[in-house]
Amino acid sequence: MTDQRRRVDSAPVTAGRSLIRAAPYGSLALWGGPVAHGLRFATAVTADVPSNAQTGPVAVPWPPPVVSSAHPVYGSMSPAEEPSTEATASGSAVSRLLLLAPTPFAAGLGDQDVATRLNLCGSAPRSGQWVSVAFGGWVAPLPADAWSAAAARFAERHPTADLFDLGSGRSLLQMEIAEAVVRTARACLLLGAEAAVGLLRGAAGSRH
């Protein structure tokens, strides 16, 4: 069953990783609040999860049968359909994304984590296949004392002059990833925390 699931999942996961690796921007939607479009992002995986991690994906029909606005990524589901958050051998599967946002937007987050989703959508560069990736989790401003190291890491993906505007017009956010949804024209995968980390790790490629 596991081998069969991995074969079924391989095409959308590969397309998703390709999109994440190439996408210049994403849209960040806060729980019941504003949406920020065109945010540059960079991966900052902190869990030791292999790039081929496939534990947790659940194939669901397309289009999904039950969707509401109560869930940050995929709508509310019945308890039987609720995706689990798996733990790795070393503890919780934790991954972070760094996002470069306008300072007024970052200031609106306050000091607490806010439920959010990061949406990416487009054609996978190699195959041309349409794919959408939505990461669900929590976002918060990155503490200023961590900006220097984070900016250096961010510049590996986006060597933008906007990084020189940190603390003025721009701020860095950190998003903890809890799950992901990968959609193509023929498939829709709901990924738990561990598999979402694996998706990011695979997309990071030679950068990490």
N, C-alpha and C. Protein backbone atom coordinates (compact mmCIF):
# COMPACT_ATOMS: atom_id res chain seq x y z
N MET A 1 0.83 -1.21 0.00
CA MET A 1 0.00 0.00 0.00
C MET A 1 0.86 1.26 0.00
N THR A 2 1.93 1.22 0.83
CA THR A 2 2.80 2.40 0.91
C THR A 2 3.47 2.66 -0.43
N ASP A 3 4.01 1.58 -1.07
CA ASP A 3 4.68 1.75 -2.35
C ASP A 3 3.71 2.27 -3.40
N GLN A 4 2.46 1.74 -3.38
CA GLN A 4 1.47 2.19 -4.34
C GLN A 4 1.14 3.65 -4.13
N ARG A 5 0.99 4.07 -2.85
CA ARG A 5 0.68 5.47 -2.56
C ARG A 5 1.79 6.37 -3.03
N ARG A 6 3.06 5.96 -2.83
CA ARG A 6 4.17 6.80 -3.26
C ARG A 6 4.18 6.96 -4.77
N ARG A 7 3.85 5.89 -5.51
CA ARG A 7 3.81 6.02 -6.96
C ARG A 7 2.70 6.97 -7.40
N VAL A 8 1.53 6.89 -6.74
CA VAL A 8 0.41 7.75 -7.07
C VAL A 8 0.74 9.20 -6.76
N ASP A 9 1.43 9.41 -5.64
CA ASP A 9 1.70 10.76 -5.18
C ASP A 9 2.88 11.42 -5.88
N SER A 10 3.71 10.64 -6.57
CA SER A 10 4.97 11.18 -7.04
C SER A 10 4.81 12.34 -8.03
N ALA A 11 3.84 12.26 -8.93
CA ALA A 11 3.69 13.31 -9.94
C ALA A 11 3.30 14.65 -9.34
N PRO A 12 2.23 14.75 -8.51
CA PRO A 12 1.91 16.05 -7.93
C PRO A 12 2.96 16.56 -6.97
N VAL A 13 3.61 15.66 -6.23
CA VAL A 13 4.66 16.10 -5.30
C VAL A 13 5.84 16.68 -6.08
N THR A 14 6.23 16.01 -7.16
CA THR A 14 7.32 16.52 -7.98
C THR A 14 6.97 17.87 -8.59
N ALA A 15 5.73 17.99 -9.08
CA ALA A 15 5.30 19.27 -9.65
C ALA A 15 5.28 20.36 -8.59
N GLY A 16 4.82 20.01 -7.39
CA GLY A 16 4.79 20.98 -6.29
C GLY A 16 6.18 21.46 -5.92
N ARG A 17 7.12 20.54 -5.82
CA ARG A 17 8.50 20.92 -5.49
C ARG A 17 9.09 21.83 -6.57
N SER A 18 8.80 21.51 -7.82
CA SER A 18 9.30 22.32 -8.92
C SER A 18 8.76 23.75 -8.85
N LEU A 19 7.48 23.87 -8.51
CA LEU A 19 6.87 25.20 -8.39
C LEU A 19 7.48 25.97 -7.23
N ILE A 20 7.63 25.32 -6.08
CA ILE A 20 8.20 25.99 -4.91
C ILE A 20 9.61 26.48 -5.21
N ARG A 21 10.39 25.67 -5.91
CA ARG A 21 11.78 26.03 -6.21
C ARG A 21 11.86 27.25 -7.12
N ALA A 22 10.89 27.38 -8.04
CA ALA A 22 10.99 28.43 -9.06
C ALA A 22 10.13 29.65 -8.79
N ALA A 23 9.08 29.51 -7.98
CA ALA A 23 8.13 30.61 -7.80
C ALA A 23 8.80 31.82 -7.16
N PRO A 24 8.67 33.00 -7.78
CA PRO A 24 9.31 34.19 -7.19
C PRO A 24 8.53 34.77 -6.02
N TYR A 25 7.21 34.56 -6.01
CA TYR A 25 6.36 35.20 -5.00
C TYR A 25 5.28 34.24 -4.51
N GLY A 26 4.68 34.60 -3.39
CA GLY A 26 3.52 33.91 -2.87
C GLY A 26 2.55 34.91 -2.28
N SER A 27 1.33 34.46 -2.04
CA SER A 27 0.30 35.30 -1.42
C SER A 27 0.02 34.77 -0.02
N LEU A 28 0.08 35.64 0.97
CA LEU A 28 -0.12 35.25 2.36
C LEU A 28 -1.48 35.74 2.82
N ALA A 29 -2.34 34.81 3.20
CA ALA A 29 -3.70 35.15 3.66
C ALA A 29 -3.81 34.86 5.14
N LEU A 30 -4.13 35.87 5.92
CA LEU A 30 -4.30 35.70 7.35
C LEU A 30 -5.70 35.21 7.67
N TRP A 31 -5.82 34.51 8.80
CA TRP A 31 -7.10 33.99 9.24
C TRP A 31 -8.09 35.15 9.44
N GLY A 32 -9.10 35.22 8.58
CA GLY A 32 -10.13 36.23 8.70
C GLY A 32 -9.64 37.65 8.54
N GLY A 33 -8.47 37.83 7.93
CA GLY A 33 -7.92 39.17 7.84
C GLY A 33 -7.39 39.49 6.46
N PRO A 34 -6.39 40.34 6.38
CA PRO A 34 -5.91 40.82 5.08
C PRO A 34 -5.10 39.76 4.33
N VAL A 35 -4.91 40.04 3.06
CA VAL A 35 -4.09 39.19 2.20
C VAL A 35 -2.96 40.05 1.64
N ALA A 36 -1.75 39.54 1.71
CA ALA A 36 -0.59 40.24 1.15
C ALA A 36 -0.12 39.47 -0.08
N HIS A 37 -0.13 40.11 -1.23
CA HIS A 37 0.28 39.47 -2.47
C HIS A 37 1.73 39.84 -2.79
N GLY A 38 2.37 38.98 -3.56
CA GLY A 38 3.70 39.28 -4.07
C GLY A 38 4.78 39.29 -3.02
N LEU A 39 4.68 38.39 -2.02
CA LEU A 39 5.72 38.31 -0.99
C LEU A 39 6.81 37.33 -1.42
N ARG A 40 8.05 37.79 -1.39
CA ARG A 40 9.16 36.88 -1.61
C ARG A 40 9.30 35.97 -0.39
N PHE A 41 9.77 34.74 -0.63
CA PHE A 41 9.89 33.79 0.47
C PHE A 41 11.14 32.94 0.28
N ALA A 42 11.59 32.36 1.37
CA ALA A 42 12.73 31.44 1.34
C ALA A 42 12.50 30.36 2.37
N THR A 43 12.96 29.17 2.07
CA THR A 43 12.78 28.07 3.02
C THR A 43 13.83 28.13 4.11
N ALA A 44 13.44 27.71 5.28
CA ALA A 44 14.36 27.61 6.42
C ALA A 44 13.96 26.38 7.22
N VAL A 45 14.23 25.21 6.67
CA VAL A 45 13.81 23.96 7.28
C VAL A 45 14.64 23.69 8.52
N THR A 46 13.97 23.41 9.64
CA THR A 46 14.67 23.19 10.89
C THR A 46 14.55 21.77 11.38
N ALA A 47 13.71 20.95 10.75
CA ALA A 47 13.59 19.55 11.17
C ALA A 47 14.43 18.67 10.25
N ASP A 48 15.01 17.62 10.82
CA ASP A 48 15.83 16.70 10.05
C ASP A 48 14.93 15.66 9.42
N VAL A 49 14.29 16.03 8.30
CA VAL A 49 13.35 15.17 7.61
C VAL A 49 13.86 14.92 6.21
N PRO A 50 13.92 13.66 5.74
CA PRO A 50 14.44 13.39 4.41
C PRO A 50 13.58 14.02 3.33
N SER A 51 14.22 14.35 2.19
CA SER A 51 13.51 15.04 1.13
C SER A 51 12.43 14.19 0.49
N ASN A 52 12.50 12.86 0.64
CA ASN A 52 11.50 12.00 0.04
C ASN A 52 10.43 11.57 1.04
N ALA A 53 10.32 12.29 2.15
CA ALA A 53 9.32 11.94 3.16
C ALA A 53 7.93 11.98 2.55
N GLN A 54 7.20 10.86 2.66
CA GLN A 54 5.87 10.79 2.09
C GLN A 54 4.84 10.37 3.13
N THR A 55 5.23 10.32 4.39
CA THR A 55 4.30 9.94 5.44
C THR A 55 3.27 11.04 5.62
N GLY A 56 2.01 10.69 5.56
CA GLY A 56 0.98 11.66 5.84
C GLY A 56 0.14 12.12 4.69
N PRO A 57 0.59 12.02 3.40
CA PRO A 57 -0.29 12.52 2.35
C PRO A 57 -1.53 11.67 2.22
N VAL A 58 -2.66 12.32 2.02
CA VAL A 58 -3.92 11.63 1.85
C VAL A 58 -4.53 12.08 0.53
N ALA A 59 -4.72 11.15 -0.40
CA ALA A 59 -5.32 11.50 -1.67
C ALA A 59 -6.82 11.69 -1.48
N VAL A 60 -7.36 12.81 -1.95
CA VAL A 60 -8.78 13.08 -1.83
C VAL A 60 -9.35 13.38 -3.20
N PRO A 61 -10.65 13.20 -3.40
CA PRO A 61 -11.22 13.44 -4.73
C PRO A 61 -11.06 14.90 -5.14
N TRP A 62 -11.06 15.13 -6.42
CA TRP A 62 -10.99 16.48 -6.97
C TRP A 62 -12.25 16.75 -7.77
N PRO A 63 -13.02 17.78 -7.47
CA PRO A 63 -12.79 18.74 -6.40
C PRO A 63 -13.09 18.16 -5.03
N PRO A 64 -12.54 18.75 -3.95
CA PRO A 64 -12.77 18.22 -2.61
C PRO A 64 -14.24 18.29 -2.25
N PRO A 65 -14.73 17.28 -1.50
CA PRO A 65 -16.16 17.22 -1.21
C PRO A 65 -16.64 18.21 -0.17
N VAL A 66 -15.80 18.57 0.80
CA VAL A 66 -16.24 19.45 1.88
C VAL A 66 -15.21 20.54 2.09
N VAL A 67 -15.58 21.78 1.85
CA VAL A 67 -14.67 22.90 2.04
C VAL A 67 -15.44 24.05 2.68
N SER A 68 -14.87 24.65 3.69
CA SER A 68 -15.45 25.85 4.27
C SER A 68 -14.32 26.79 4.66
N SER A 69 -14.66 28.01 5.01
CA SER A 69 -13.63 29.00 5.33
C SER A 69 -13.10 28.84 6.74
N ALA A 70 -13.54 27.84 7.49
CA ALA A 70 -13.11 27.71 8.88
C ALA A 70 -11.72 27.13 9.02
N HIS A 71 -11.17 26.55 7.96
CA HIS A 71 -9.84 25.96 8.03
C HIS A 71 -8.88 26.83 7.26
N PRO A 72 -7.67 27.11 7.82
CA PRO A 72 -6.77 28.06 7.18
C PRO A 72 -6.35 27.65 5.78
N VAL A 73 -6.30 26.35 5.48
CA VAL A 73 -5.84 25.91 4.17
C VAL A 73 -6.95 25.27 3.37
N TYR A 74 -7.67 24.36 3.95
CA TYR A 74 -8.46 23.46 3.15
C TYR A 74 -9.91 23.39 3.57
N GLY A 75 -10.34 24.29 4.42
CA GLY A 75 -11.71 24.23 4.89
C GLY A 75 -11.85 23.24 6.02
N SER A 76 -12.91 23.35 6.77
CA SER A 76 -13.10 22.43 7.88
C SER A 76 -13.50 21.07 7.37
N MET A 77 -13.10 20.05 8.12
CA MET A 77 -13.41 18.67 7.75
C MET A 77 -14.02 17.98 8.95
N SER A 78 -14.67 16.88 8.70
CA SER A 78 -15.18 16.07 9.79
C SER A 78 -13.99 15.44 10.52
N PRO A 79 -14.15 15.01 11.80
CA PRO A 79 -13.03 14.43 12.53
C PRO A 79 -12.37 13.28 11.79
N ALA A 80 -13.13 12.49 11.04
CA ALA A 80 -12.55 11.37 10.32
C ALA A 80 -11.65 11.82 9.19
N GLU A 81 -11.90 13.03 8.69
CA GLU A 81 -11.10 13.54 7.57
C GLU A 81 -10.00 14.47 8.03
N GLU A 82 -9.97 14.81 9.30
CA GLU A 82 -8.99 15.78 9.80
C GLU A 82 -7.59 15.25 9.62
N PRO A 83 -6.69 16.00 8.95
CA PRO A 83 -5.33 15.52 8.76
C PRO A 83 -4.57 15.53 10.07
N SER A 84 -3.75 14.51 10.26
CA SER A 84 -2.96 14.44 11.49
C SER A 84 -1.66 15.19 11.30
N THR A 85 -1.05 15.59 12.41
CA THR A 85 0.27 16.22 12.40
C THR A 85 1.24 15.21 12.95
N GLU A 86 2.02 14.58 12.06
CA GLU A 86 2.90 13.50 12.48
C GLU A 86 4.13 14.06 13.17
N ALA A 87 4.76 13.21 13.99
CA ALA A 87 6.01 13.58 14.65
C ALA A 87 7.14 12.81 14.01
N THR A 88 8.30 13.44 13.93
CA THR A 88 9.47 12.76 13.41
C THR A 88 10.12 11.99 14.54
N ALA A 89 11.15 11.21 14.19
CA ALA A 89 11.84 10.43 15.21
C ALA A 89 12.49 11.33 16.24
N SER A 90 12.84 12.56 15.86
CA SER A 90 13.53 13.46 16.78
C SER A 90 12.57 14.45 17.45
N GLY A 91 11.26 14.28 17.23
CA GLY A 91 10.29 15.19 17.86
C GLY A 91 9.34 15.74 16.83
N SER A 92 8.79 16.93 17.08
CA SER A 92 7.82 17.51 16.16
C SER A 92 8.46 17.87 14.84
N ALA A 93 7.70 17.64 13.76
CA ALA A 93 8.16 18.04 12.44
C ALA A 93 7.93 19.53 12.29
N VAL A 94 8.98 20.31 12.36
CA VAL A 94 8.86 21.76 12.34
C VAL A 94 9.64 22.31 11.15
N SER A 95 9.01 23.17 10.40
CA SER A 95 9.69 23.85 9.32
C SER A 95 9.26 25.30 9.32
N ARG A 96 10.16 26.16 8.92
CA ARG A 96 9.82 27.58 8.84
C ARG A 96 10.07 28.09 7.44
N LEU A 97 9.26 29.04 7.06
CA LEU A 97 9.48 29.82 5.86
C LEU A 97 9.77 31.25 6.29
N LEU A 98 10.70 31.88 5.61
CA LEU A 98 10.97 33.29 5.82
C LEU A 98 10.26 34.08 4.73
N LEU A 99 9.60 35.15 5.11
CA LEU A 99 8.89 35.98 4.14
C LEU A 99 9.28 37.44 4.33
N LEU A 100 9.47 38.13 3.21
CA LEU A 100 9.80 39.55 3.23
C LEU A 100 8.54 40.34 2.95
N ALA A 101 8.08 41.09 3.95
CA ALA A 101 6.78 41.76 3.85
C ALA A 101 6.92 43.25 4.12
N PRO A 102 5.98 44.05 3.61
CA PRO A 102 5.96 45.47 3.98
C PRO A 102 5.80 45.62 5.49
N THR A 103 6.51 46.57 6.07
CA THR A 103 6.47 46.75 7.51
C THR A 103 5.08 47.00 8.06
N PRO A 104 4.21 47.80 7.40
CA PRO A 104 2.86 47.97 7.94
C PRO A 104 2.08 46.66 8.06
N PHE A 105 2.27 45.77 7.10
CA PHE A 105 1.61 44.47 7.18
C PHE A 105 2.16 43.66 8.35
N ALA A 106 3.48 43.66 8.50
CA ALA A 106 4.10 42.92 9.60
C ALA A 106 3.67 43.48 10.95
N ALA A 107 3.57 44.80 11.04
CA ALA A 107 3.16 45.42 12.31
C ALA A 107 1.74 45.02 12.70
N GLY A 108 0.90 44.77 11.71
CA GLY A 108 -0.47 44.38 11.98
C GLY A 108 -0.60 43.00 12.59
N LEU A 109 0.47 42.20 12.57
CA LEU A 109 0.42 40.87 13.16
C LEU A 109 0.49 40.90 14.67
N GLY A 110 1.03 41.98 15.22
CA GLY A 110 1.18 42.04 16.67
C GLY A 110 2.31 41.13 17.13
N ASP A 111 2.20 40.65 18.37
CA ASP A 111 3.25 39.83 18.96
C ASP A 111 2.91 38.35 18.99
N GLN A 112 1.71 37.97 18.55
CA GLN A 112 1.30 36.58 18.64
C GLN A 112 1.27 35.93 17.26
N ASP A 113 1.42 34.60 17.26
CA ASP A 113 1.32 33.86 16.00
C ASP A 113 -0.10 33.96 15.47
N VAL A 114 -0.22 34.12 14.16
CA VAL A 114 -1.52 34.25 13.51
C VAL A 114 -1.68 33.11 12.51
N ALA A 115 -2.83 32.43 12.55
CA ALA A 115 -3.10 31.36 11.59
C ALA A 115 -3.11 31.94 10.18
N THR A 116 -2.50 31.25 9.26
CA THR A 116 -2.34 31.80 7.91
C THR A 116 -2.18 30.69 6.89
N ARG A 117 -2.22 31.07 5.63
CA ARG A 117 -1.87 30.15 4.56
C ARG A 117 -1.05 30.91 3.52
N LEU A 118 -0.09 30.23 2.94
CA LEU A 118 0.73 30.78 1.87
C LEU A 118 0.36 30.05 0.59
N ASN A 119 -0.09 30.78 -0.41
CA ASN A 119 -0.55 30.19 -1.65
C ASN A 119 0.44 30.44 -2.78
N LEU A 120 0.77 29.37 -3.50
CA LEU A 120 1.60 29.44 -4.69
C LEU A 120 0.83 28.75 -5.81
N CYS A 121 0.89 29.31 -6.99
CA CYS A 121 0.13 28.74 -8.10
C CYS A 121 0.82 29.08 -9.41
N GLY A 122 0.89 28.11 -10.31
CA GLY A 122 1.48 28.36 -11.61
C GLY A 122 1.79 27.08 -12.34
N SER A 123 2.61 27.16 -13.35
CA SER A 123 3.01 26.00 -14.13
C SER A 123 4.35 25.49 -13.62
N ALA A 124 4.44 24.19 -13.40
CA ALA A 124 5.71 23.59 -13.02
C ALA A 124 6.71 23.80 -14.15
N PRO A 125 7.90 24.33 -13.85
CA PRO A 125 8.83 24.72 -14.91
C PRO A 125 9.19 23.62 -15.90
N ARG A 126 9.43 22.42 -15.43
CA ARG A 126 9.90 21.37 -16.34
C ARG A 126 8.77 20.74 -17.15
N SER A 127 7.67 20.43 -16.48
CA SER A 127 6.58 19.72 -17.14
C SER A 127 5.53 20.64 -17.74
N GLY A 128 5.45 21.88 -17.27
CA GLY A 128 4.41 22.78 -17.71
C GLY A 128 3.06 22.47 -17.09
N GLN A 129 3.03 21.52 -16.17
CA GLN A 129 1.80 21.10 -15.52
C GLN A 129 1.32 22.17 -14.54
N TRP A 130 0.01 22.50 -14.59
CA TRP A 130 -0.53 23.45 -13.63
C TRP A 130 -0.51 22.83 -12.25
N VAL A 131 -0.08 23.60 -11.25
CA VAL A 131 -0.02 23.09 -9.89
C VAL A 131 -0.24 24.23 -8.91
N SER A 132 -0.88 23.92 -7.81
CA SER A 132 -1.11 24.87 -6.73
C SER A 132 -0.62 24.24 -5.43
N VAL A 133 0.09 25.02 -4.65
CA VAL A 133 0.56 24.57 -3.33
C VAL A 133 0.09 25.58 -2.30
N ALA A 134 -0.57 25.11 -1.25
CA ALA A 134 -1.00 25.98 -0.16
C ALA A 134 -0.45 25.42 1.14
N PHE A 135 0.39 26.21 1.80
CA PHE A 135 0.94 25.82 3.10
C PHE A 135 0.10 26.47 4.19
N GLY A 136 -0.30 25.68 5.17
CA GLY A 136 -1.03 26.22 6.32
C GLY A 136 -0.16 26.20 7.56
N GLY A 137 -0.34 27.19 8.41
CA GLY A 137 0.45 27.24 9.64
C GLY A 137 0.23 28.55 10.36
N TRP A 138 1.29 29.04 10.98
CA TRP A 138 1.20 30.25 11.80
C TRP A 138 2.35 31.18 11.45
N VAL A 139 2.04 32.46 11.39
CA VAL A 139 3.05 33.44 11.01
C VAL A 139 3.20 34.47 12.12
N ALA A 140 4.40 34.97 12.27
CA ALA A 140 4.71 36.00 13.26
C ALA A 140 5.92 36.79 12.78
N PRO A 141 6.10 38.02 13.23
CA PRO A 141 7.30 38.77 12.88
C PRO A 141 8.54 38.06 13.41
N LEU A 142 9.60 38.06 12.63
CA LEU A 142 10.86 37.51 13.10
C LEU A 142 11.52 38.52 14.03
N PRO A 143 11.99 38.10 15.22
CA PRO A 143 12.66 39.04 16.13
C PRO A 143 13.81 39.76 15.45
N ALA A 144 13.95 41.03 15.73
CA ALA A 144 14.96 41.85 15.05
C ALA A 144 16.38 41.33 15.25
N ASP A 145 16.64 40.69 16.40
CA ASP A 145 18.01 40.21 16.63
C ASP A 145 18.35 39.00 15.76
N ALA A 146 17.35 38.45 15.06
CA ALA A 146 17.60 37.32 14.16
C ALA A 146 17.64 37.76 12.70
N TRP A 147 17.46 39.05 12.43
CA TRP A 147 17.37 39.51 11.05
C TRP A 147 18.66 39.33 10.27
N SER A 148 19.79 39.56 10.88
CA SER A 148 21.05 39.52 10.16
C SER A 148 21.30 38.15 9.55
N ALA A 149 21.21 37.11 10.38
CA ALA A 149 21.44 35.75 9.90
C ALA A 149 20.34 35.34 8.91
N ALA A 150 19.10 35.72 9.21
CA ALA A 150 17.99 35.35 8.34
C ALA A 150 18.10 36.04 6.98
N ALA A 151 18.54 37.29 6.98
CA ALA A 151 18.68 38.02 5.72
C ALA A 151 19.73 37.38 4.83
N ALA A 152 20.82 36.92 5.44
CA ALA A 152 21.86 36.24 4.66
C ALA A 152 21.32 34.97 4.04
N ARG A 153 20.52 34.24 4.79
CA ARG A 153 19.91 33.02 4.26
C ARG A 153 18.89 33.35 3.18
N PHE A 154 18.12 34.40 3.42
CA PHE A 154 17.09 34.81 2.46
C PHE A 154 17.73 35.20 1.13
N ALA A 155 18.88 35.88 1.21
CA ALA A 155 19.54 36.37 0.00
C ALA A 155 20.04 35.24 -0.88
N GLU A 156 20.18 34.03 -0.34
CA GLU A 156 20.58 32.89 -1.16
C GLU A 156 19.53 32.62 -2.25
N ARG A 157 18.27 32.87 -1.91
CA ARG A 157 17.19 32.68 -2.90
C ARG A 157 16.83 33.98 -3.59
N HIS A 158 16.75 35.07 -2.83
CA HIS A 158 16.34 36.37 -3.37
C HIS A 158 17.38 37.43 -2.99
N PRO A 159 18.41 37.65 -3.79
CA PRO A 159 19.39 38.70 -3.49
C PRO A 159 18.83 40.07 -3.86
N THR A 160 17.81 40.49 -3.13
CA THR A 160 17.11 41.73 -3.44
C THR A 160 17.60 42.88 -2.58
N ALA A 161 17.61 44.07 -3.17
CA ALA A 161 18.01 45.27 -2.43
C ALA A 161 17.03 45.62 -1.33
N ASP A 162 15.82 45.05 -1.35
CA ASP A 162 14.83 45.31 -0.30
C ASP A 162 15.33 44.85 1.06
N LEU A 163 16.28 43.91 1.09
CA LEU A 163 16.83 43.45 2.36
C LEU A 163 17.58 44.57 3.08
N PHE A 164 18.06 45.57 2.33
CA PHE A 164 18.74 46.70 2.97
C PHE A 164 17.75 47.65 3.63
N ASP A 165 16.46 47.42 3.38
CA ASP A 165 15.41 48.27 3.94
C ASP A 165 14.75 47.66 5.17
N LEU A 166 15.38 46.61 5.73
CA LEU A 166 14.82 45.96 6.91
C LEU A 166 14.76 46.94 8.08
N GLY A 167 13.65 46.92 8.77
CA GLY A 167 13.46 47.81 9.91
C GLY A 167 12.84 49.12 9.53
N SER A 168 12.73 49.37 8.23
CA SER A 168 12.10 50.60 7.76
C SER A 168 10.89 50.23 6.91
N GLY A 169 11.11 50.05 5.63
CA GLY A 169 9.98 49.72 4.75
C GLY A 169 9.66 48.25 4.70
N ARG A 170 10.61 47.39 5.10
CA ARG A 170 10.44 45.95 5.02
C ARG A 170 10.73 45.27 6.34
N SER A 171 10.07 44.14 6.55
CA SER A 171 10.30 43.32 7.75
C SER A 171 10.30 41.86 7.35
N LEU A 172 10.98 41.05 8.14
CA LEU A 172 10.99 39.61 7.92
C LEU A 172 9.97 38.93 8.81
N LEU A 173 9.23 38.01 8.23
CA LEU A 173 8.27 37.19 8.97
C LEU A 173 8.77 35.76 8.98
N GLN A 174 8.33 35.00 9.97
CA GLN A 174 8.60 33.57 9.99
C GLN A 174 7.27 32.82 10.06
N MET A 175 7.15 31.81 9.24
CA MET A 175 5.93 31.02 9.19
C MET A 175 6.26 29.58 9.53
N GLU A 176 5.61 29.07 10.56
CA GLU A 176 5.77 27.66 10.92
C GLU A 176 4.75 26.84 10.13
N ILE A 177 5.23 25.81 9.45
CA ILE A 177 4.38 25.02 8.57
C ILE A 177 3.78 23.85 9.33
N ALA A 178 2.45 23.70 9.23
CA ALA A 178 1.75 22.60 9.87
C ALA A 178 1.22 21.59 8.88
N GLU A 179 0.96 22.01 7.65
CA GLU A 179 0.39 21.12 6.65
C GLU A 179 0.48 21.79 5.28
N ALA A 180 0.10 21.05 4.26
CA ALA A 180 0.11 21.60 2.90
C ALA A 180 -0.92 20.86 2.06
N VAL A 181 -1.40 21.56 1.05
CA VAL A 181 -2.28 20.96 0.05
C VAL A 181 -1.65 21.18 -1.32
N VAL A 182 -1.48 20.10 -2.07
CA VAL A 182 -0.93 20.18 -3.43
C VAL A 182 -2.04 19.77 -4.39
N ARG A 183 -2.35 20.64 -5.33
CA ARG A 183 -3.39 20.36 -6.31
C ARG A 183 -2.81 20.43 -7.72
N THR A 184 -3.22 19.48 -8.53
CA THR A 184 -2.96 19.54 -9.97
C THR A 184 -4.31 19.34 -10.66
N ALA A 185 -4.30 19.29 -11.99
CA ALA A 185 -5.55 19.11 -12.72
C ALA A 185 -6.19 17.75 -12.44
N ARG A 186 -5.38 16.80 -11.97
CA ARG A 186 -5.89 15.44 -11.79
C ARG A 186 -5.80 14.92 -10.36
N ALA A 187 -5.21 15.65 -9.47
CA ALA A 187 -5.00 15.13 -8.12
C ALA A 187 -5.05 16.24 -7.09
N CYS A 188 -5.35 15.85 -5.87
CA CYS A 188 -5.31 16.77 -4.74
C CYS A 188 -4.80 16.00 -3.54
N LEU A 189 -3.67 16.44 -3.00
CA LEU A 189 -3.05 15.77 -1.87
C LEU A 189 -3.07 16.66 -0.65
N LEU A 190 -3.50 16.11 0.46
CA LEU A 190 -3.45 16.79 1.74
C LEU A 190 -2.28 16.21 2.52
N LEU A 191 -1.29 17.04 2.84
CA LEU A 191 -0.06 16.59 3.49
C LEU A 191 -0.04 17.01 4.94
N GLY A 192 0.31 16.07 5.82
CA GLY A 192 0.53 16.40 7.21
C GLY A 192 1.86 17.12 7.40
N ALA A 193 2.20 17.40 8.65
CA ALA A 193 3.37 18.22 8.94
C ALA A 193 4.66 17.61 8.40
N GLU A 194 4.86 16.31 8.63
CA GLU A 194 6.11 15.69 8.22
C GLU A 194 6.27 15.70 6.70
N ALA A 195 5.20 15.37 5.99
CA ALA A 195 5.27 15.36 4.54
C ALA A 195 5.43 16.76 3.97
N ALA A 196 4.83 17.77 4.63
CA ALA A 196 5.00 19.15 4.19
C ALA A 196 6.45 19.59 4.33
N VAL A 197 7.10 19.16 5.42
CA VAL A 197 8.53 19.45 5.60
C VAL A 197 9.33 18.76 4.49
N GLY A 198 8.98 17.51 4.18
CA GLY A 198 9.67 16.81 3.11
C GLY A 198 9.51 17.51 1.78
N LEU A 199 8.32 18.06 1.54
CA LEU A 199 8.06 18.82 0.31
C LEU A 199 8.99 20.02 0.22
N LEU A 200 9.14 20.75 1.31
CA LEU A 200 10.02 21.91 1.33
C LEU A 200 11.49 21.51 1.20
N ARG A 201 11.86 20.45 1.90
CA ARG A 201 13.26 20.01 1.85
C ARG A 201 13.64 19.62 0.43
N GLY A 202 12.74 18.90 -0.24
CA GLY A 202 13.02 18.52 -1.62
C GLY A 202 13.08 19.71 -2.54
N ALA A 203 12.24 20.73 -2.28
CA ALA A 203 12.22 21.92 -3.12
C ALA A 203 13.46 22.78 -2.92
N ALA A 204 14.06 22.69 -1.72
CA ALA A 204 15.22 23.53 -1.41
C ALA A 204 16.41 23.17 -2.30
N GLY A 205 16.52 21.89 -2.67
CA GLY A 205 17.57 21.46 -3.59
C GLY A 205 18.95 21.80 -3.08
N SER A 206 19.75 22.36 -3.95
CA SER A 206 21.16 22.63 -3.63
C SER A 206 21.33 23.85 -2.74
N ARG A 207 20.23 24.56 -2.45
CA ARG A 207 20.37 25.76 -1.63
C ARG A 207 20.65 25.41 -0.17
N HIS A 208 20.27 24.18 0.29
CA HIS A 208 20.46 23.83 1.69
C HIS A 208 21.20 22.50 1.80
